[in-house]
PDB file of N, CA and C in Angstrom:
ATOM      1  N   UNK A   1       0.849  -1.173   0.000  1.00  0.00           N
ATOM      2  CA  UNK A   1       0.000   0.000   0.000  1.00  0.00           C
ATOM      3  C   UNK A   1       0.896   1.237   0.000  1.00  0.00           C
ATOM      4  N   UNK A   2       1.382   1.607  -1.154  1.00  0.00           N
ATOM      5  CA  UNK A   2       2.320   2.717  -1.234  1.00  0.00           C
ATOM      6  C   UNK A   2       1.605   4.062  -1.259  1.00  0.00           C
ATOM      7  N   UNK A   3       0.546   4.175  -2.020  1.00  0.00           N
ATOM      8  CA  UNK A   3      -0.194   5.437  -2.078  1.00  0.00           C
ATOM      9  C   UNK A   3      -1.687   5.144  -2.117  1.00  0.00           C
ATOM     10  N   UNK A   4      -2.442   6.111  -1.664  1.00  0.00           N
ATOM     11  CA  UNK A   4      -3.900   6.003  -1.733  1.00  0.00           C
ATOM     12  C   UNK A   4      -4.352   6.479  -3.100  1.00  0.00           C
ATOM     13  N   UNK A   5      -5.520   6.044  -3.532  1.00  0.00           N
ATOM     14  CA  UNK A   5      -6.035   6.439  -4.846  1.00  0.00           C
ATOM     15  C   UNK A   5      -6.306   7.938  -4.927  1.00  0.00           C
ATOM     16  N   UNK A   6      -6.724   8.538  -3.825  1.00  0.00           N
ATOM     17  CA  UNK A   6      -7.075   9.957  -3.858  1.00  0.00           C
ATOM     18  C   UNK A   6      -5.901  10.862  -3.495  1.00  0.00           C
ATOM     19  N   UNK A   7      -4.716  10.321  -3.323  1.00  0.00           N
ATOM     20  CA  UNK A   7      -3.529  11.118  -3.089  1.00  0.00           C
ATOM     21  C   UNK A   7      -3.266  11.492  -1.646  1.00  0.00           C
ATOM     22  N   UNK A   8      -4.031  10.980  -0.703  1.00  0.00           N
ATOM     23  CA  UNK A   8      -3.770  11.318   0.699  1.00  0.00           C
ATOM     24  C   UNK A   8      -2.609  10.491   1.237  1.00  0.00           C
ATOM     25  N   UNK A   9      -2.176  10.840   2.415  1.00  0.00           N
ATOM     26  CA  UNK A   9      -1.021  10.182   3.022  1.00  0.00           C
ATOM     27  C   UNK A   9      -1.389   8.805   3.558  1.00  0.00           C
ATOM     28  N   UNK A  10      -0.458   7.904   3.471  1.00  0.00           N
ATOM     29  CA  UNK A  10      -0.627   6.553   3.992  1.00  0.00           C
ATOM     30  C   UNK A  10      -0.360   6.586   5.493  1.00  0.00           C
ATOM     31  N   UNK A  11      -1.218   5.946   6.287  1.00  0.00           N
ATOM     32  CA  UNK A  11      -0.939   5.898   7.722  1.00  0.00           C
ATOM     33  C   UNK A  11       0.388   5.189   7.995  1.00  0.00           C
ATOM     34  N   UNK A  12       1.120   5.686   8.982  1.00  0.00           N
ATOM     35  CA  UNK A  12       2.430   5.122   9.306  1.00  0.00           C
ATOM     36  C   UNK A  12       2.311   3.751   9.961  1.00  0.00           C
ATOM     37  N   UNK A  13       1.259   3.532  10.706  1.00  0.00           N
ATOM     38  CA  UNK A  13       1.090   2.263  11.407  1.00  0.00           C
ATOM     39  C   UNK A  13       0.466   1.238  10.463  1.00  0.00           C
ATOM     40  N   UNK A  14       1.066   0.074  10.400  1.00  0.00           N
ATOM     41  CA  UNK A  14       0.571  -0.979   9.509  1.00  0.00           C
ATOM     42  C   UNK A  14      -0.813  -1.457   9.935  1.00  0.00           C
ATOM     43  N   UNK A  15      -1.043  -1.532  11.252  1.00  0.00           N
ATOM     44  CA  UNK A  15      -2.345  -1.980  11.749  1.00  0.00           C
ATOM     45  C   UNK A  15      -3.443  -1.019  11.322  1.00  0.00           C
ATOM     46  N   UNK A  16      -3.190   0.264  11.471  1.00  0.00           N
ATOM     47  CA  UNK A  16      -4.189   1.277  11.101  1.00  0.00           C
ATOM     48  C   UNK A  16      -4.454   1.241   9.597  1.00  0.00           C
ATOM     49  N   UNK A  17      -3.419   1.079   8.797  1.00  0.00           N
ATOM     50  CA  UNK A  17      -3.579   0.997   7.341  1.00  0.00           C
ATOM     51  C   UNK A  17      -4.412  -0.227   6.961  1.00  0.00           C
ATOM     52  N   UNK A  18      -4.167  -1.349   7.623  1.00  0.00           N
ATOM     53  CA  UNK A  18      -4.933  -2.567   7.346  1.00  0.00           C
ATOM     54  C   UNK A  18      -6.393  -2.395   7.743  1.00  0.00           C
ATOM     55  N   UNK A  19      -6.645  -1.721   8.860  1.00  0.00           N
ATOM     56  CA  UNK A  19      -8.020  -1.470   9.284  1.00  0.00           C
ATOM     57  C   UNK A  19      -8.760  -0.613   8.264  1.00  0.00           C
ATOM     58  N   UNK A  20      -8.092   0.422   7.783  1.00  0.00           N
ATOM     59  CA  UNK A  20      -8.721   1.302   6.795  1.00  0.00           C
ATOM     60  C   UNK A  20      -8.990   0.546   5.494  1.00  0.00           C
ATOM     61  N   UNK A  21      -8.055  -0.293   5.073  1.00  0.00           N
ATOM     62  CA  UNK A  21      -8.276  -1.091   3.868  1.00  0.00           C
ATOM     63  C   UNK A  21      -9.445  -2.058   4.053  1.00  0.00           C
ATOM     64  N   UNK A  22      -9.549  -2.664   5.229  1.00  0.00           N
ATOM     65  CA  UNK A  22     -10.659  -3.573   5.504  1.00  0.00           C
ATOM     66  C   UNK A  22     -11.997  -2.867   5.469  1.00  0.00           C
ATOM     67  N   UNK A  23     -12.044  -1.691   6.069  1.00  0.00           N
ATOM     68  CA  UNK A  23     -13.284  -0.906   6.051  1.00  0.00           C
ATOM     69  C   UNK A  23     -13.643  -0.531   4.618  1.00  0.00           C
ATOM     70  N   UNK A  24     -12.643  -0.152   3.843  1.00  0.00           N
ATOM     71  CA  UNK A  24     -12.879   0.213   2.444  1.00  0.00           C
ATOM     72  C   UNK A  24     -13.448  -0.959   1.657  1.00  0.00           C
ATOM     73  N   UNK A  25     -12.870  -2.152   1.836  1.00  0.00           N
ATOM     74  CA  UNK A  25     -13.382  -3.333   1.130  1.00  0.00           C
ATOM     75  C   UNK A  25     -14.810  -3.651   1.548  1.00  0.00           C
ATOM     76  N   UNK A  26     -15.106  -3.528   2.835  1.00  0.00           N
ATOM     77  CA  UNK A  26     -16.476  -3.788   3.303  1.00  0.00           C
ATOM     78  C   UNK A  26     -17.463  -2.790   2.710  1.00  0.00           C
ATOM     79  N   UNK A  27     -17.079  -1.518   2.681  1.00  0.00           N
ATOM     80  CA  UNK A  27     -17.963  -0.491   2.126  1.00  0.00           C
ATOM     81  C   UNK A  27     -18.235  -0.741   0.643  1.00  0.00           C
ATOM     82  N   UNK A  28     -17.210  -1.135  -0.098  1.00  0.00           N
ATOM     83  CA  UNK A  28     -17.396  -1.440  -1.517  1.00  0.00           C
ATOM     84  C   UNK A  28     -18.347  -2.623  -1.670  1.00  0.00           C
ATOM     85  N   UNK A  29     -18.204  -3.649  -0.842  1.00  0.00           N
ATOM     86  CA  UNK A  29     -19.104  -4.799  -0.891  1.00  0.00           C
ATOM     87  C   UNK A  29     -20.532  -4.432  -0.554  1.00  0.00           C
ATOM     88  N   UNK A  30     -20.711  -3.577   0.442  1.00  0.00           N
ATOM     89  CA  UNK A  30     -22.059  -3.142   0.826  1.00  0.00           C
ATOM     90  C   UNK A  30     -22.703  -2.369  -0.315  1.00  0.00           C
ATOM     91  N   UNK A  31     -21.954  -1.467  -0.922  1.00  0.00           N
ATOM     92  CA  UNK A  31     -22.500  -0.652  -2.013  1.00  0.00           C
ATOM     93  C   UNK A  31     -22.858  -1.528  -3.207  1.00  0.00           C
ATOM     94  N   UNK A  32     -22.027  -2.500  -3.525  1.00  0.00           N
ATOM     95  CA  UNK A  32     -22.347  -3.407  -4.636  1.00  0.00           C
ATOM     96  C   UNK A  32     -23.596  -4.225  -4.333  1.00  0.00           C
ATOM     97  N   UNK A  33     -23.746  -4.645  -3.087  1.00  0.00           N
ATOM     98  CA  UNK A  33     -24.934  -5.402  -2.708  1.00  0.00           C
ATOM     99  C   UNK A  33     -26.194  -4.568  -2.764  1.00  0.00           C
ATOM    100  N   UNK A  34     -26.106  -3.324  -2.334  1.00  0.00           N
ATOM    101  CA  UNK A  34     -27.277  -2.448  -2.329  1.00  0.00           C
ATOM    102  C   UNK A  34     -27.711  -2.123  -3.750  1.00  0.00           C
ATOM    103  N   UNK A  35     -26.780  -1.974  -4.659  1.00  0.00           N
ATOM    104  CA  UNK A  35     -27.142  -1.621  -6.032  1.00  0.00           C
ATOM    105  C   UNK A  35     -27.942  -2.731  -6.705  1.00  0.00           C
ATOM    106  N   UNK A  36     -27.917  -3.943  -6.159  1.00  0.00           N
ATOM    107  CA  UNK A  36     -28.690  -5.041  -6.733  1.00  0.00           C
ATOM    108  C   UNK A  36     -30.139  -5.035  -6.260  1.00  0.00           C
ATOM    109  N   UNK A  37     -30.434  -4.308  -5.189  1.00  0.00           N
ATOM    110  CA  UNK A  37     -31.801  -4.246  -4.698  1.00  0.00           C
ATOM    111  C   UNK A  37     -32.675  -3.497  -5.695  1.00  0.00           C
ATOM    112  N   UNK A  38     -33.943  -3.904  -5.837  1.00  0.00           N
ATOM    113  CA  UNK A  38     -34.813  -3.173  -6.758  1.00  0.00           C
ATOM    114  C   UNK A  38     -35.084  -1.762  -6.244  1.00  0.00           C
ATOM    115  N   UNK A  39     -35.211  -0.843  -7.168  1.00  0.00           N
ATOM    116  CA  UNK A  39     -35.502   0.521  -6.770  1.00  0.00           C
ATOM    117  C   UNK A  39     -36.939   0.611  -6.294  1.00  0.00           C
ATOM    118  N   UNK A  40     -37.264   1.699  -5.627  1.00  0.00           N
ATOM    119  CA  UNK A  40     -38.613   1.899  -5.108  1.00  0.00           C
ATOM    120  C   UNK A  40     -39.629   1.873  -6.242  1.00  0.00           C
ATOM    121  N   UNK A  41     -39.313   2.542  -7.329  1.00  0.00           N
ATOM    122  CA  UNK A  41     -40.264   2.617  -8.444  1.00  0.00           C
ATOM    123  C   UNK A  41     -40.519   1.245  -9.052  1.00  0.00           C
ATOM    124  N   UNK A  42     -39.455   0.438  -9.249  1.00  0.00           N
ATOM    125  CA  UNK A  42     -39.628  -0.904  -9.789  1.00  0.00           C
ATOM    126  C   UNK A  42     -40.458  -1.768  -8.856  1.00  0.00           C
ATOM    127  N   UNK A  43     -40.175  -1.677  -7.567  1.00  0.00           N
ATOM    128  CA  UNK A  43     -40.920  -2.465  -6.592  1.00  0.00           C
ATOM    129  C   UNK A  43     -42.380  -2.040  -6.577  1.00  0.00           C
ATOM    130  N   UNK A  44     -42.645  -0.728  -6.651  1.00  0.00           N
ATOM    131  CA  UNK A  44     -44.016  -0.229  -6.661  1.00  0.00           C
ATOM    132  C   UNK A  44     -44.769  -0.776  -7.870  1.00  0.00           C
ATOM    133  N   UNK A  45     -44.131  -0.766  -9.038  1.00  0.00           N
ATOM    134  CA  UNK A  45     -44.786  -1.294 -10.239  1.00  0.00           C
ATOM    135  C   UNK A  45     -45.078  -2.783 -10.108  1.00  0.00           C
ATOM    136  N   UNK A  46     -44.158  -3.532  -9.507  1.00  0.00           N
ATOM    137  CA  UNK A  46     -44.391  -4.960  -9.310  1.00  0.00           C
ATOM    138  C   UNK A  46     -45.584  -5.198  -8.399  1.00  0.00           C
ATOM    139  N   UNK A  47     -45.705  -4.397  -7.345  1.00  0.00           N
ATOM    140  CA  UNK A  47     -46.827  -4.547  -6.413  1.00  0.00           C
ATOM    141  C   UNK A  47     -48.134  -4.209  -7.113  1.00  0.00           C
ATOM    142  N   UNK A  48     -48.156  -3.124  -7.887  1.00  0.00           N
ATOM    143  CA  UNK A  48     -49.373  -2.730  -8.600  1.00  0.00           C
ATOM    144  C   UNK A  48     -49.775  -3.812  -9.595  1.00  0.00           C
ATOM    145  N   UNK A  49     -48.812  -4.356 -10.341  1.00  0.00           N
ATOM    146  CA  UNK A  49     -49.126  -5.427 -11.292  1.00  0.00           C
ATOM    147  C   UNK A  49     -49.699  -6.645 -10.578  1.00  0.00           C
ATOM    148  N   UNK A  50     -49.095  -7.003  -9.458  1.00  0.00           N
ATOM    149  CA  UNK A  50     -49.580  -8.166  -8.710  1.00  0.00           C
ATOM    150  C   UNK A  50     -50.999  -7.935  -8.208  1.00  0.00           C
ATOM    151  N   UNK A  51     -51.293  -6.731  -7.748  1.00  0.00           N
ATOM    152  CA  UNK A  51     -52.646  -6.422  -7.276  1.00  0.00           C
ATOM    153  C   UNK A  51     -53.661  -6.457  -8.417  1.00  0.00           C
ATOM    154  N   UNK A  52     -53.278  -5.956  -9.584  1.00  0.00           N
ATOM    155  CA  UNK A  52     -54.183  -5.978 -10.736  1.00  0.00           C
ATOM    156  C   UNK A  52     -54.472  -7.413 -11.154  1.00  0.00           C
ATOM    157  N   UNK A  53     -53.438  -8.233 -11.232  1.00  0.00           N
ATOM    158  CA  UNK A  53     -53.627  -9.639 -11.614  1.00  0.00           C
ATOM    159  C   UNK A  53     -54.491 -10.357 -10.588  1.00  0.00           C
ATOM    160  N   UNK A  54     -54.226 -10.122  -9.319  1.00  0.00           N
ATOM    161  CA  UNK A  54     -55.018 -10.749  -8.262  1.00  0.00           C
ATOM    162  C   UNK A  54     -56.476 -10.333  -8.371  1.00  0.00           C
ATOM    163  N   UNK A  55     -56.721  -9.047  -8.597  1.00  0.00           N
ATOM    164  CA  UNK A  55     -58.089  -8.552  -8.689  1.00  0.00           C
ATOM    165  C   UNK A  55     -58.796  -9.125  -9.913  1.00  0.00           C
ATOM    166  N   UNK A  56     -58.085  -9.214 -11.049  1.00  0.00           N
ATOM    167  CA  UNK A  56     -58.695  -9.773 -12.256  1.00  0.00           C
ATOM    168  C   UNK A  56     -59.048 -11.243 -12.059  1.00  0.00           C
ATOM    169  N   UNK A  57     -58.162 -12.001 -11.417  1.00  0.00           N
ATOM    170  CA  UNK A  57     -58.449 -13.412 -11.160  1.00  0.00           C
ATOM    171  C   UNK A  57     -59.631 -13.559 -10.216  1.00  0.00           C
ATOM    172  N   UNK A  58     -59.686 -12.719  -9.208  1.00  0.00           N
ATOM    173  CA  UNK A  58     -60.769 -12.783  -8.234  1.00  0.00           C
ATOM    174  C   UNK A  58     -62.102 -12.428  -8.885  1.00  0.00           C
ATOM    175  N   UNK A  59     -62.106 -11.411  -9.749  1.00  0.00           N
ATOM    176  CA  UNK A  59     -63.335 -11.015 -10.430  1.00  0.00           C
ATOM    177  C   UNK A  59     -63.800 -12.090 -11.395  1.00  0.00           C
ATOM    178  N   UNK A  60     -62.884 -12.731 -12.087  1.00  0.00           N
ATOM    179  CA  UNK A  60     -63.280 -13.753 -13.056  1.00  0.00           C
ATOM    180  C   UNK A  60     -63.866 -14.977 -12.362  1.00  0.00           C
ATOM    181  N   UNK A  61     -63.468 -15.241 -11.138  1.00  0.00           N
ATOM    182  CA  UNK A  61     -63.998 -16.382 -10.398  1.00  0.00           C
ATOM    183  C   UNK A  61     -65.363 -16.054  -9.812  1.00  0.00           C
ATOM    184  N   UNK A  62     -65.532 -14.861  -9.267  1.00  0.00           N
ATOM    185  CA  UNK A  62     -66.772 -14.523  -8.567  1.00  0.00           C
ATOM    186  C   UNK A  62     -67.854 -13.989  -9.480  1.00  0.00           C
ATOM    187  N   UNK A  63     -67.526 -13.419 -10.620  1.00  0.00           N
ATOM    188  CA  UNK A  63     -68.517 -12.807 -11.489  1.00  0.00           C
ATOM    189  C   UNK A  63     -68.982 -13.813 -12.537  1.00  0.00           C
ATOM    190  N   UNK A  64     -70.289 -14.017 -12.664  1.00  0.00           N
ATOM    191  CA  UNK A  64     -70.778 -14.898 -13.731  1.00  0.00           C
ATOM    192  C   UNK A  64     -70.536 -14.256 -15.100  1.00  0.00           C
ATOM    193  N   UNK A  65     -70.425 -15.071 -16.130  1.00  0.00           N
ATOM    194  CA  UNK A  65     -70.106 -14.556 -17.461  1.00  0.00           C
ATOM    195  C   UNK A  65     -71.265 -13.782 -18.079  1.00  0.00           C
ATOM    196  N   UNK A  66     -72.508 -13.995 -17.630  1.00  0.00           N
ATOM    197  CA  UNK A  66     -73.653 -13.287 -18.198  1.00  0.00           C
ATOM    198  C   UNK A  66     -73.774 -11.869 -17.654  1.00  0.00           C
ATOM    199  N   UNK A  67     -73.097 -11.578 -16.566  1.00  0.00           N
ATOM    200  CA  UNK A  67     -73.169 -10.260 -15.956  1.00  0.00           C
ATOM    201  C   UNK A  67     -72.235  -9.292 -16.678  1.00  0.00           C
ATOM    202  N   UNK A  68     -72.684  -8.056 -16.998  1.00  0.00           N
ATOM    203  CA  UNK A  68     -71.794  -7.114 -17.687  1.00  0.00           C
ATOM    204  C   UNK A  68     -70.667  -6.646 -16.776  1.00  0.00           C
ATOM    205  N   UNK A  69     -69.581  -6.269 -17.385  1.00  0.00           N
ATOM    206  CA  UNK A  69     -68.443  -5.817 -16.590  1.00  0.00           C
ATOM    207  C   UNK A  69     -68.679  -4.408 -16.071  1.00  0.00           C
ATOM    208  N   UNK A  70     -67.928  -4.032 -15.079  1.00  0.00           N
ATOM    209  CA  UNK A  70     -68.065  -2.713 -14.476  1.00  0.00           C
ATOM    210  C   UNK A  70     -67.689  -1.634 -15.480  1.00  0.00           C
ATOM    211  N   UNK A  71     -66.696  -1.873 -16.306  1.00  0.00           N
ATOM    212  CA  UNK A  71     -66.251  -0.889 -17.288  1.00  0.00           C
ATOM    213  C   UNK A  71     -67.351  -0.587 -18.296  1.00  0.00           C
ATOM    214  N   UNK A  72     -68.094  -1.600 -18.736  1.00  0.00           N
ATOM    215  CA  UNK A  72     -69.168  -1.361 -19.698  1.00  0.00           C
ATOM    216  C   UNK A  72     -70.334  -0.627 -19.051  1.00  0.00           C
ATOM    217  N   UNK A  73     -70.562  -0.816 -17.769  1.00  0.00           N
ATOM    218  CA  UNK A  73     -71.620  -0.091 -17.064  1.00  0.00           C
ATOM    219  C   UNK A  73     -71.229   1.376 -16.917  1.00  0.00           C
ATOM    220  N   UNK A  74     -69.973   1.653 -16.622  1.00  0.00           N
ATOM    221  CA  UNK A  74     -69.517   3.028 -16.442  1.00  0.00           C
ATOM    222  C   UNK A  74     -69.537   3.795 -17.752  1.00  0.00           C
ATOM    223  N   UNK A  75     -69.337   3.146 -18.871  1.00  0.00           N
ATOM    224  CA  UNK A  75     -69.332   3.821 -20.168  1.00  0.00           C
ATOM    225  C   UNK A  75     -70.723   4.234 -20.607  1.00  0.00           C
ATOM    226  N   UNK A  76     -71.754   3.623 -20.071  1.00  0.00           N
ATOM    227  CA  UNK A  76     -73.135   3.915 -20.475  1.00  0.00           C
ATOM    228  C   UNK A  76     -73.630   5.154 -19.879  1.00  0.00           C
TER     229      UNK A  76
END
């Protein structure tokens, strides 16, 4: 560990330098792991899609086929 990437001074103590390197590696791992999580917007869209599919399945089971749909009633 001769120089730091950002040009700062290297700690004189080997133990302290090793601790800083360990913390740096952990932080990089945490950031890489977090970037794999779905964003809020993607998660929200997945939830909305799941709710729509669930509602459509539920309506198709409970509603008889001879009954008009809600959308056709609202258009009248």
